[in-house]
C-alpha atoms as a PDB file:
ATOM      1  CA  GLU A   1     110.061 181.319  86.074  1.00  0.00           C
ATOM      2  CA  GLY A   2     110.178 177.662  84.504  1.00  0.00           C
ATOM      3  CA  ALA A   3     110.117 175.988  87.951  1.00  0.00           C
ATOM      4  CA  LEU A   4     107.459 178.249  89.339  1.00  0.00           C
ATOM      5  CA  GLN A   5     105.232 178.046  86.377  1.00  0.00           C
ATOM      6  CA  THR A   6     105.575 174.058  86.706  1.00  0.00           C
ATOM      7  CA  ALA A   7     104.677 174.074  90.256  1.00  0.00           C
ATOM      8  CA  LEU A   8     101.730 176.277  89.692  1.00  0.00           C
ATOM      9  CA  GLU A   9     100.464 173.897  86.995  1.00  0.00           C
ATOM     10  CA  ILE A  10     100.831 171.012  89.078  1.00  0.00           C
ATOM     11  CA  MET A  11      98.857 172.715  92.162  1.00  0.00           C
ATOM     12  CA  SER A  12      96.169 173.740  89.743  1.00  0.00           C
ATOM     13  CA  TYR A  13      95.877 170.131  88.355  1.00  0.00           C
ATOM     14  CA  ILE A  14      95.627 168.729  91.781  1.00  0.00           C
ATOM     15  CA  ASN A  15      93.052 171.209  92.968  1.00  0.00           C
ATOM     16  CA  GLU A  16      90.977 170.957  89.818  1.00  0.00           C
ATOM     17  CA  VAL A  17      91.031 167.019  90.318  1.00  0.00           C
ATOM     18  CA  ALA A  18      89.953 167.535  93.961  1.00  0.00           C
ATOM     19  CA  GLN A  19      87.198 169.722  93.169  1.00  0.00           C
ATOM     20  CA  ARG A  20      85.715 167.473  90.303  1.00  0.00           C
ATOM     21  CA  LEU A  21      85.889 164.586  92.617  1.00  0.00           C
ATOM     22  CA  ALA A  22      83.979 166.382  95.367  1.00  0.00           C
ATOM     23  CA  LYS A  23      81.430 167.520  93.044  1.00  0.00           C
ATOM     24  CA  GLU A  24      80.809 163.835  91.991  1.00  0.00           C
ATOM     25  CA  ASP A  25      80.634 163.055  95.861  1.00  0.00           C
ATOM     26  CA  ARG A  26      83.937 161.208  95.616  1.00  0.00           C
ATOM     27  CA  GLU A  27      86.947 161.687  97.964  1.00  0.00           C
ATOM     28  CA  MET A  28      90.433 162.097  96.507  1.00  0.00           C
ATOM     29  CA  THR A  29      92.674 159.071  97.630  1.00  0.00           C
ATOM     30  CA  TRP A  30      96.324 158.432  96.766  1.00  0.00           C
ATOM     31  CA  THR A  31      99.208 156.102  97.957  1.00  0.00           C
ATOM     32  CA  THR A  32     102.572 157.693  98.957  1.00  0.00           C
ATOM     33  CA  PRO A  33     105.775 155.929  97.794  1.00  0.00           C
ATOM     34  CA  ASP A  34     106.135 154.090 100.853  1.00  0.00           C
ATOM     35  CA  GLY A  35     102.463 152.621 100.480  1.00  0.00           C
ATOM     36  CA  THR A  36     100.617 154.721 102.953  1.00  0.00           C
ATOM     37  CA  VAL A  37      97.002 155.492 101.501  1.00  0.00           C
ATOM     38  CA  ILE A  38      95.779 159.024 102.070  1.00  0.00           C
ATOM     39  CA  THR A  39      92.101 159.962 101.729  1.00  0.00           C
ATOM     40  CA  GLN A  40      91.306 163.719 101.787  1.00  0.00           C
ATOM     41  CA  LYS A  41      87.641 164.239 102.964  1.00  0.00           C
ATOM     42  CA  TYR A  42      86.193 167.704 103.838  1.00  0.00           C
ATOM     43  CA  THR A  43      82.484 167.961 104.059  1.00  0.00           C
ATOM     44  CA  LYS A  44      80.100 170.713 103.982  1.00  0.00           C
ATOM     45  CA  ILE A  45      78.683 172.240 107.142  1.00  0.00           C
ATOM     46  CA  ASN A  46      75.336 173.494 107.729  1.00  0.00           C
ATOM     47  CA  ARG A  47      75.042 176.182 110.097  1.00  0.00           C
ATOM     48  CA  THR A  48      71.772 177.224 111.612  1.00  0.00           C
ATOM     49  CA  PHE A  49      71.413 180.693 113.649  1.00  0.00           C
ATOM     50  CA  TYR A  50      69.134 180.896 116.466  1.00  0.00           C
ATOM     51  CA  GLU A  51      68.213 183.985 118.665  1.00  0.00           C
ATOM     52  CA  SER A  52      67.840 183.580 122.304  1.00  0.00           C
ATOM     53  CA  GLU A  53      66.588 186.428 124.463  1.00  0.00           C
ATOM     54  CA  THR A  54      68.960 185.486 127.199  1.00  0.00           C
ATOM     55  CA  LEU A  55      72.008 184.242 125.279  1.00  0.00           C
ATOM     56  CA  GLY A  56      71.747 186.312 122.066  1.00  0.00           C
ATOM     57  CA  ARG A  57      72.445 184.920 118.721  1.00  0.00           C
ATOM     58  CA  MET A  58      73.746 181.350 118.499  1.00  0.00           C
ATOM     59  CA  SER A  59      74.755 178.868 115.815  1.00  0.00           C
ATOM     60  CA  ILE A  60      74.768 175.140 115.534  1.00  0.00           C
ATOM     61  CA  ASN A  61      77.005 173.627 113.272  1.00  0.00           C
ATOM     62  CA  LYS A  62      76.156 170.289 111.767  1.00  0.00           C
ATOM     63  CA  THR A  63      78.568 168.234 109.740  1.00  0.00           C
ATOM     64  CA  THR A  64      77.235 166.605 106.406  1.00  0.00           C
ATOM     65  CA  ASN A  65      78.220 163.703 104.455  1.00  0.00           C
ATOM     66  CA  LYS A  66      78.366 165.831 101.247  1.00  0.00           C
ATOM     67  CA  PRO A  67      81.887 166.779 100.199  1.00  0.00           C
ATOM     68  CA  ASP A  68      82.770 170.560 100.048  1.00  0.00           C
ATOM     69  CA  PRO A  69      84.489 170.978  96.567  1.00  0.00           C
ATOM     70  CA  SER A  70      85.830 174.420  97.504  1.00  0.00           C
ATOM     71  CA  LYS A  71      87.580 173.125 100.637  1.00  0.00           C
ATOM     72  CA  CYS A  72      88.638 170.030  98.863  1.00  0.00           C
ATOM     73  CA  ALA A  73      90.267 172.056  96.113  1.00  0.00           C
ATOM     74  CA  SER A  74      91.968 174.470  98.233  1.00  0.00           C
ATOM     75  CA  SER A  75      93.411 171.905 100.388  1.00  0.00           C
ATOM     76  CA  ALA A  76      94.470 169.201  97.902  1.00  0.00           C
ATOM     77  CA  ALA A  77      97.908 170.358  96.959  1.00  0.00           C
ATOM     78  CA  PRO A  78      99.154 171.226 100.406  1.00  0.00           C
ATOM     79  CA  ASN A  79      97.887 167.861 101.882  1.00  0.00           C
ATOM     80  CA  LEU A  80      99.489 166.144  98.776  1.00  0.00           C
ATOM     81  CA  VAL A  81     102.835 167.698  99.469  1.00  0.00           C
ATOM     82  CA  HIS A  82     102.853 167.122 103.416  1.00  0.00           C
ATOM     83  CA  SER A  83     101.995 163.546 102.727  1.00  0.00           C
ATOM     84  CA  LEU A  84     105.124 163.448 100.655  1.00  0.00           C
ATOM     85  CA  ASP A  85     107.127 165.184 103.026  1.00  0.00           C
ATOM     86  CA  ALA A  86     105.739 162.668 105.791  1.00  0.00           C
ATOM     87  CA  CYS A  87     106.479 159.747 103.414  1.00  0.00           C
ATOM     88  CA  MET A  88     110.140 160.957 102.857  1.00  0.00           C
ATOM     89  CA  LEU A  89     110.554 161.292 106.753  1.00  0.00           C
ATOM     90  CA  ARG A  90     109.349 157.712 107.340  1.00  0.00           C
ATOM     91  CA  MET A  91     111.443 156.313 104.573  1.00  0.00           C
ATOM     92  CA  VAL A  92     114.440 158.124 105.823  1.00  0.00           C
ATOM     93  CA  VAL A  93     114.050 156.959 109.533  1.00  0.00           C
ATOM     94  CA  LYS A  94     113.390 153.431 108.508  1.00  0.00           C
ATOM     95  CA  ARG A  95     116.577 153.354 106.422  1.00  0.00           C
ATOM     96  CA  MET A  96     118.530 155.052 109.061  1.00  0.00           C
ATOM     97  CA  ALA A  97     117.352 152.352 111.706  1.00  0.00           C
ATOM     98  CA  GLU A  98     118.336 149.820 109.219  1.00  0.00           C
ATOM     99  CA  LEU A  99     121.923 151.171 109.334  1.00  0.00           C
ATOM    100  CA  GLY A 100     121.961 151.127 113.029  1.00  0.00           C
ATOM    101  CA  HIS A 101     121.044 154.523 114.013  1.00  0.00           C
ATOM    102  CA  GLU A 102     118.579 154.931 116.721  1.00  0.00           C
ATOM    103  CA  ASP A 103     118.645 158.745 117.687  1.00  0.00           C
ATOM    104  CA  PHE A 104     116.319 161.051 115.683  1.00  0.00           C
ATOM    105  CA  ALA A 105     114.856 164.387 116.403  1.00  0.00           C
ATOM    106  CA  MET A 106     112.286 165.017 113.482  1.00  0.00           C
ATOM    107  CA  ILE A 107     109.784 167.742 113.260  1.00  0.00           C
ATOM    108  CA  HIS A 108     107.861 167.792 109.939  1.00  0.00           C
ATOM    109  CA  ASP A 109     110.508 168.158 107.312  1.00  0.00           C
ATOM    110  CA  SER A 110     113.246 168.938 109.670  1.00  0.00           C
ATOM    111  CA  TYR A 111     115.627 165.977 110.420  1.00  0.00           C
ATOM    112  CA  GLY A 112     117.922 165.904 113.253  1.00  0.00           C
ATOM    113  CA  VAL A 113     120.493 163.023 114.541  1.00  0.00           C
ATOM    114  CA  PRO A 114     123.750 163.371 116.539  1.00  0.00           C
ATOM    115  CA  ALA A 115     126.512 165.322 114.757  1.00  0.00           C
ATOM    116  CA  GLY A 116     128.503 162.080 114.055  1.00  0.00           C
ATOM    117  CA  HIS A 117     125.609 160.775 111.857  1.00  0.00           C
ATOM    118  CA  ILE A 118     125.072 163.943 109.503  1.00  0.00           C
ATOM    119  CA  THR A 119     127.080 162.567 106.729  1.00  0.00           C
ATOM    120  CA  THR A 120     124.984 159.438 106.622  1.00  0.00           C
ATOM    121  CA  LEU A 121     121.803 161.227 107.058  1.00  0.00           C
ATOM    122  CA  ASN A 122     122.652 163.727 104.255  1.00  0.00           C
ATOM    123  CA  ARG A 123     123.357 160.535 101.995  1.00  0.00           C
ATOM    124  CA  VAL A 124     120.218 158.728 103.010  1.00  0.00           C
ATOM    125  CA  ILE A 125     117.935 161.634 102.497  1.00  0.00           C
ATOM    126  CA  ARG A 126     119.222 162.104  99.074  1.00  0.00           C
ATOM    127  CA  GLU A 127     118.924 158.420  98.326  1.00  0.00           C
ATOM    128  CA  VAL A 128     115.311 158.319  99.497  1.00  0.00           C
ATOM    129  CA  ALA A 129     114.450 161.536  97.505  1.00  0.00           C
ATOM    130  CA  VAL A 130     115.867 159.919  94.376  1.00  0.00           C
ATOM    131  CA  GLU A 131     113.830 156.859  95.137  1.00  0.00           C
ATOM    132  CA  MET A 132     110.654 158.915  95.483  1.00  0.00           C
ATOM    133  CA  PHE A 133     111.156 161.412  92.826  1.00  0.00           C
ATOM    134  CA  SER A 134     112.774 159.581  89.969  1.00  0.00           C
ATOM    135  CA  GLY A 135     110.208 158.750  87.313  1.00  0.00           C
ATOM    136  CA  ASP A 136     106.875 160.681  86.944  1.00  0.00           C
ATOM    137  CA  TRP A 137     105.048 160.081  90.335  1.00  0.00           C
ATOM    138  CA  LEU A 138     102.285 162.384  89.592  1.00  0.00           C
ATOM    139  CA  ARG A 139     101.134 160.572  86.271  1.00  0.00           C
ATOM    140  CA  ASP A 140     102.334 157.086  87.023  1.00  0.00           C
ATOM    141  CA  GLU A 141     101.092 156.742  90.394  1.00  0.00           C
ATOM    142  CA  PHE A 142      98.729 159.521  91.387  1.00  0.00           C
ATOM    143  CA  ALA A 143      96.891 160.140  88.230  1.00  0.00           C
ATOM    144  CA  ALA A 144      96.928 156.456  87.113  1.00  0.00           C
ATOM    145  CA  ASN A 145      94.967 155.621  90.385  1.00  0.00           C
ATOM    146  CA  LEU A 146      92.244 158.106  89.962  1.00  0.00           C
ATOM    147  CA  PRO A 147      88.749 156.954  89.219  1.00  0.00           C
ATOM    148  CA  ASN A 148      88.246 156.670  85.297  1.00  0.00           C
ATOM    149  CA  ASP A 149      84.532 157.155  85.262  1.00  0.00           C
ATOM    150  CA  ILE A 150      84.793 160.902  86.066  1.00  0.00           C
ATOM    151  CA  ASP A 151      86.111 163.391  83.316  1.00  0.00           C
ATOM    152  CA  LEU A 152      89.266 164.590  84.885  1.00  0.00           C
ATOM    153  CA  PRO A 153      92.085 166.688  83.529  1.00  0.00           C
ATOM    154  CA  GLU A 154      95.374 165.234  82.330  1.00  0.00           C
ATOM    155  CA  PRO A 155      98.334 165.872  84.649  1.00  0.00           C
ATOM    156  CA  PRO A 156     100.981 168.505  83.455  1.00  0.00           C
ATOM    157  CA  LYS A 157     103.703 167.029  81.541  1.00  0.00           C
ATOM    158  CA  GLN A 158     106.897 166.267  83.531  1.00  0.00           C
ATOM    159  CA  GLY A 159     109.840 168.526  83.287  1.00  0.00           C
ATOM    160  CA  ASN A 160     113.347 167.450  82.334  1.00  0.00           C
ATOM    161  CA  LEU A 161     115.486 167.438  85.395  1.00  0.00           C
ATOM    162  CA  ASP A 162     117.399 164.210  85.705  1.00  0.00           C
ATOM    163  CA  VAL A 163     116.646 163.613  89.424  1.00  0.00           C
ATOM    164  CA  ALA A 164     119.036 160.595  89.859  1.00  0.00           C
ATOM    165  CA  ALA A 165     121.897 162.324  88.124  1.00  0.00           C
ATOM    166  CA  GLU A 166     121.628 165.555  89.775  1.00  0.00           C
ATOM    167  CA  LEU A 167     120.164 165.325  93.263  1.00  0.00           C
ATOM    168  CA  PRO A 168     122.816 163.470  94.797  1.00  0.00           C
ATOM    169  CA  SER A 169     125.280 166.272  94.336  1.00  0.00           C
ATOM    170  CA  ALA A 170     122.738 169.194  94.591  1.00  0.00           C
ATOM    171  CA  VAL A 171     124.461 171.851  97.019  1.00  0.00           C
ATOM    172  CA  TYR A 172     121.043 173.230  98.155  1.00  0.00           C
ATOM    173  CA  PHE A 173     118.844 169.898  97.973  1.00  0.00           C
ATOM    174  CA  PHE A 174     118.621 169.886 101.831  1.00  0.00           C
ATOM    175  CA  SER A 175     120.351 171.504 104.746  1.00  0.00           C
END
């Protein structure tokens, strides 16, 4: 229950930040650990309905420049998580390439290499994860770079998992 509760708190925090920013006509932007800048922008759509004797009821959708707070809020946490998944994949492939490996099969957060390189991939994935998730990224990077001219909630407190000590030997970290 503790980990689930913490995940829900983090998700609620991210959603609240995105919604508040959107209500202020601002986009939510963050930088992943490998330096990729992500901007989330969902705008409102104006829909106008028309009646035609020959074609029946039709609608025309027109995108506005006004942020959609509801869509921004509901998409924020998944988008942030996906951006971190993509960051990890880029960092793993880069590190593997630096070690001389050239053959990869990657789909989202599924990693594949020739069988003889599985041990190296396993080690590199864990090294990258420790690099990415040691410390308090949510507070130190994400929240620290939010605009300070808008009233935004404080990020949830970080738990006590010692990523650097526990993740390298975690049996079920990655398969």
